[in-house]
Amino acid sequence: MLSRLPKGSKRIFGDISARTLRVNLWNSRKRVARKLSNSRFDKITFHSLRHWKATMEYHRTKDIIHVKKILGHRNIQNTMKYIDMEHAIFNSHDNGQFTVRVAQSVKEACELVEAGFEYVTDIAEKKIFRKRK
């Protein structure tokens, strides 16, 4: 995945050394932990951020294949843990609840797609869209 990033220099994060990045992350975690009086911030790593992004992406899209591609996993079983994490965080077992809208025109259909709705079908020359609650 890193090899696909645009290369402005030989290093991933520019000309900053890995030690400097570690020290900056460590200092930031300590500062936030002290300010919020929560020692759990001391345990945040770059991998924690990766897990959080994957969980949020699954929560947003409910598409495990999409998350698998983002993470670069070869095996879907490695990605499946994010479903459990999403259920635990949001207590959102898929119960099929959707917000449904009907588009009367192409303009309304475009507005619904821009608002995050997905196309379902046509009925009586009207387009039906849905979005998870």
C-alpha atoms as a PDB file:
ATOM      1  CA  MET A   1       0.000   0.000   0.000  1.00  0.00           C
ATOM      2  CA  LEU A   2       2.825   2.367   0.805  1.00  0.00           C
ATOM      3  CA  SER A   3       4.398   1.826  -2.600  1.00  0.00           C
ATOM      4  CA  ARG A   4       1.244   3.236  -4.229  1.00  0.00           C
ATOM      5  CA  LEU A   5       1.563   6.572  -2.414  1.00  0.00           C
ATOM      6  CA  PRO A   6       2.911   9.533  -4.414  1.00  0.00           C
ATOM      7  CA  LYS A   7       6.624   9.889  -3.846  1.00  0.00           C
ATOM      8  CA  GLY A   8       7.880  13.370  -3.014  1.00  0.00           C
ATOM      9  CA  SER A   9      10.961  12.005  -1.291  1.00  0.00           C
ATOM     10  CA  LYS A  10      12.523   8.666  -0.399  1.00  0.00           C
ATOM     11  CA  ARG A  11      10.745   8.628   2.963  1.00  0.00           C
ATOM     12  CA  ILE A  12       7.033   8.043   3.478  1.00  0.00           C
ATOM     13  CA  PHE A  13       6.387  11.107   5.638  1.00  0.00           C
ATOM     14  CA  GLY A  14       8.887  13.412   3.983  1.00  0.00           C
ATOM     15  CA  ASP A  15      12.322  14.142   5.397  1.00  0.00           C
ATOM     16  CA  ILE A  16      11.279  13.568   9.014  1.00  0.00           C
ATOM     17  CA  SER A  17      13.090  10.675  10.654  1.00  0.00           C
ATOM     18  CA  ALA A  18      11.194   7.730  12.130  1.00  0.00           C
ATOM     19  CA  ARG A  19      12.536   8.632  15.568  1.00  0.00           C
ATOM     20  CA  THR A  20      11.113  12.161  15.283  1.00  0.00           C
ATOM     21  CA  LEU A  21       7.720  10.748  14.309  1.00  0.00           C
ATOM     22  CA  ARG A  22       7.752   8.365  17.279  1.00  0.00           C
ATOM     23  CA  VAL A  23       8.713  11.142  19.675  1.00  0.00           C
ATOM     24  CA  ASN A  24       6.023  13.482  18.281  1.00  0.00           C
ATOM     25  CA  LEU A  25       3.343  10.789  18.604  1.00  0.00           C
ATOM     26  CA  TRP A  26       4.532   9.941  22.122  1.00  0.00           C
ATOM     27  CA  ASN A  27       4.488  13.616  23.191  1.00  0.00           C
ATOM     28  CA  SER A  28       1.041  14.171  21.664  1.00  0.00           C
ATOM     29  CA  ARG A  29      -0.386  11.113  23.418  1.00  0.00           C
ATOM     30  CA  LYS A  30       1.062  12.220  26.771  1.00  0.00           C
ATOM     31  CA  ARG A  31      -0.249  15.773  26.352  1.00  0.00           C
ATOM     32  CA  VAL A  32      -3.785  14.590  25.480  1.00  0.00           C
ATOM     33  CA  ALA A  33      -3.773  11.980  28.267  1.00  0.00           C
ATOM     34  CA  ARG A  34      -2.797  14.608  30.854  1.00  0.00           C
ATOM     35  CA  LYS A  35      -5.208  17.218  29.549  1.00  0.00           C
ATOM     36  CA  LEU A  36      -8.179  14.822  29.538  1.00  0.00           C
ATOM     37  CA  SER A  37      -7.041  12.848  32.594  1.00  0.00           C
ATOM     38  CA  ASN A  38      -7.372   9.618  30.635  1.00  0.00           C
ATOM     39  CA  SER A  39      -4.384   7.287  30.537  1.00  0.00           C
ATOM     40  CA  ARG A  40      -5.882   5.239  27.671  1.00  0.00           C
ATOM     41  CA  PHE A  41      -4.587   7.871  25.228  1.00  0.00           C
ATOM     42  CA  ASP A  42      -1.062   6.681  26.061  1.00  0.00           C
ATOM     43  CA  LYS A  43      -1.860   3.411  24.297  1.00  0.00           C
ATOM     44  CA  ILE A  44      -2.823   4.893  20.899  1.00  0.00           C
ATOM     45  CA  THR A  45      -0.553   3.790  18.033  1.00  0.00           C
ATOM     46  CA  PHE A  46      -0.561   4.249  14.268  1.00  0.00           C
ATOM     47  CA  HIS A  47      -2.152   0.796  14.074  1.00  0.00           C
ATOM     48  CA  SER A  48      -4.939   1.981  16.413  1.00  0.00           C
ATOM     49  CA  LEU A  49      -5.717   4.725  13.910  1.00  0.00           C
ATOM     50  CA  ARG A  50      -5.821   2.153  11.092  1.00  0.00           C
ATOM     51  CA  HIS A  51      -8.300   0.037  13.071  1.00  0.00           C
ATOM     52  CA  TRP A  52     -10.447   3.080  13.806  1.00  0.00           C
ATOM     53  CA  LYS A  53     -10.531   4.143  10.134  1.00  0.00           C
ATOM     54  CA  ALA A  54     -11.494   0.626   9.019  1.00  0.00           C
ATOM     55  CA  THR A  55     -14.248   0.382  11.624  1.00  0.00           C
ATOM     56  CA  MET A  56     -15.661   3.798  10.695  1.00  0.00           C
ATOM     57  CA  GLU A  57     -15.509   2.961   6.985  1.00  0.00           C
ATOM     58  CA  TYR A  58     -17.447  -0.259   7.594  1.00  0.00           C
ATOM     59  CA  HIS A  59     -19.981   1.638   9.727  1.00  0.00           C
ATOM     60  CA  ARG A  60     -20.431   4.197   6.955  1.00  0.00           C
ATOM     61  CA  THR A  61     -20.705   1.809   4.007  1.00  0.00           C
ATOM     62  CA  LYS A  62     -21.623  -1.608   5.477  1.00  0.00           C
ATOM     63  CA  ASP A  63     -19.420  -2.984   2.674  1.00  0.00           C
ATOM     64  CA  ILE A  64     -16.817  -5.394   4.034  1.00  0.00           C
ATOM     65  CA  ILE A  65     -15.279  -5.926   0.561  1.00  0.00           C
ATOM     66  CA  HIS A  66     -14.645  -2.173   0.296  1.00  0.00           C
ATOM     67  CA  VAL A  67     -12.923  -2.185   3.710  1.00  0.00           C
ATOM     68  CA  LYS A  68     -10.892  -5.264   2.697  1.00  0.00           C
ATOM     69  CA  LYS A  69      -9.601  -3.395  -0.360  1.00  0.00           C
ATOM     70  CA  ILE A  70      -8.744  -0.266   1.645  1.00  0.00           C
ATOM     71  CA  LEU A  71      -6.750  -2.305   4.167  1.00  0.00           C
ATOM     72  CA  GLY A  72      -5.087  -4.431   1.514  1.00  0.00           C
ATOM     73  CA  HIS A  73      -6.091  -7.706   3.159  1.00  0.00           C
ATOM     74  CA  ARG A  74      -5.818 -10.889   1.096  1.00  0.00           C
ATOM     75  CA  ASN A  75      -8.166 -12.891   3.288  1.00  0.00           C
ATOM     76  CA  ILE A  76     -11.657 -11.632   4.171  1.00  0.00           C
ATOM     77  CA  GLN A  77     -11.351 -13.297   7.596  1.00  0.00           C
ATOM     78  CA  ASN A  78      -8.764 -10.678   8.563  1.00  0.00           C
ATOM     79  CA  THR A  79     -11.274  -7.958   7.770  1.00  0.00           C
ATOM     80  CA  MET A  80     -14.259  -9.589   9.487  1.00  0.00           C
ATOM     81  CA  LYS A  81     -13.127  -8.408  12.941  1.00  0.00           C
ATOM     82  CA  TYR A  82     -14.127  -4.873  11.994  1.00  0.00           C
ATOM     83  CA  ILE A  83     -17.755  -5.975  11.755  1.00  0.00           C
ATOM     84  CA  ASP A  84     -17.666  -7.135  15.379  1.00  0.00           C
ATOM     85  CA  MET A  85     -15.918  -3.942  16.434  1.00  0.00           C
ATOM     86  CA  GLU A  86     -18.553  -1.848  14.659  1.00  0.00           C
ATOM     87  CA  HIS A  87     -21.375  -3.775  16.355  1.00  0.00           C
ATOM     88  CA  ALA A  88     -19.728  -3.355  19.757  1.00  0.00           C
ATOM     89  CA  ILE A  89     -19.112   0.378  19.330  1.00  0.00           C
ATOM     90  CA  PHE A  90     -22.434   1.347  17.775  1.00  0.00           C
ATOM     91  CA  ASN A  91     -24.603  -1.548  18.989  1.00  0.00           C
ATOM     92  CA  SER A  92     -25.859  -1.660  15.421  1.00  0.00           C
ATOM     93  CA  HIS A  93     -26.757  -5.146  14.339  1.00  0.00           C
ATOM     94  CA  ASP A  94     -28.161  -4.918  10.832  1.00  0.00           C
ATOM     95  CA  ASN A  95     -31.907  -4.856  11.307  1.00  0.00           C
ATOM     96  CA  GLY A  96     -32.688  -3.556   7.842  1.00  0.00           C
ATOM     97  CA  GLN A  97     -33.704  -0.047   8.885  1.00  0.00           C
ATOM     98  CA  PHE A  98     -33.531   2.413   6.012  1.00  0.00           C
ATOM     99  CA  THR A  99     -34.662   5.896   5.181  1.00  0.00           C
ATOM    100  CA  VAL A 100     -36.442   5.705   1.824  1.00  0.00           C
ATOM    101  CA  ARG A 101     -36.982   8.548  -0.649  1.00  0.00           C
ATOM    102  CA  VAL A 102     -38.663   8.697  -4.064  1.00  0.00           C
ATOM    103  CA  ALA A 103     -37.246  10.869  -6.844  1.00  0.00           C
ATOM    104  CA  GLN A 104     -39.708  12.393  -9.281  1.00  0.00           C
ATOM    105  CA  SER A 105     -37.040  13.867 -11.569  1.00  0.00           C
ATOM    106  CA  VAL A 106     -33.412  13.481 -12.564  1.00  0.00           C
ATOM    107  CA  LYS A 107     -32.540  16.546 -10.470  1.00  0.00           C
ATOM    108  CA  GLU A 108     -34.096  14.993  -7.342  1.00  0.00           C
ATOM    109  CA  ALA A 109     -32.299  11.711  -8.053  1.00  0.00           C
ATOM    110  CA  CYS A 110     -28.959  13.528  -8.277  1.00  0.00           C
ATOM    111  CA  GLU A 111     -29.641  15.333  -4.986  1.00  0.00           C
ATOM    112  CA  LEU A 112     -30.437  12.043  -3.251  1.00  0.00           C
ATOM    113  CA  VAL A 113     -27.248  10.399  -4.541  1.00  0.00           C
ATOM    114  CA  GLU A 114     -25.224  13.410  -3.371  1.00  0.00           C
ATOM    115  CA  ALA A 115     -26.879  13.045   0.068  1.00  0.00           C
ATOM    116  CA  GLY A 116     -25.652   9.447   0.311  1.00  0.00           C
ATOM    117  CA  PHE A 117     -28.732   7.556  -0.851  1.00  0.00           C
ATOM    118  CA  GLU A 118     -28.351   4.488  -3.060  1.00  0.00           C
ATOM    119  CA  TYR A 119     -30.587   3.606  -5.995  1.00  0.00           C
ATOM    120  CA  VAL A 120     -32.900   0.613  -5.454  1.00  0.00           C
ATOM    121  CA  THR A 121     -35.404   0.342  -8.317  1.00  0.00           C
ATOM    122  CA  ASP A 122     -37.970   2.041 -10.587  1.00  0.00           C
ATOM    123  CA  ILE A 123     -41.691   1.829  -9.883  1.00  0.00           C
ATOM    124  CA  ALA A 124     -44.293   3.657 -11.985  1.00  0.00           C
ATOM    125  CA  GLU A 125     -41.579   5.794 -13.635  1.00  0.00           C
ATOM    126  CA  LYS A 126     -40.287   6.940 -10.241  1.00  0.00           C
ATOM    127  CA  LYS A 127     -36.895   6.082  -8.794  1.00  0.00           C
ATOM    128  CA  ILE A 128     -36.620   4.706  -5.269  1.00  0.00           C
ATOM    129  CA  PHE A 129     -33.536   5.354  -3.145  1.00  0.00           C
ATOM    130  CA  ARG A 130     -32.524   4.222   0.324  1.00  0.00           C
ATOM    131  CA  LYS A 131     -29.956   5.062   2.991  1.00  0.00           C
ATOM    132  CA  ARG A 132     -29.229   3.274   6.252  1.00  0.00           C
ATOM    133  CA  LYS A 133     -30.469   5.003   9.385  1.00  0.00           C
END
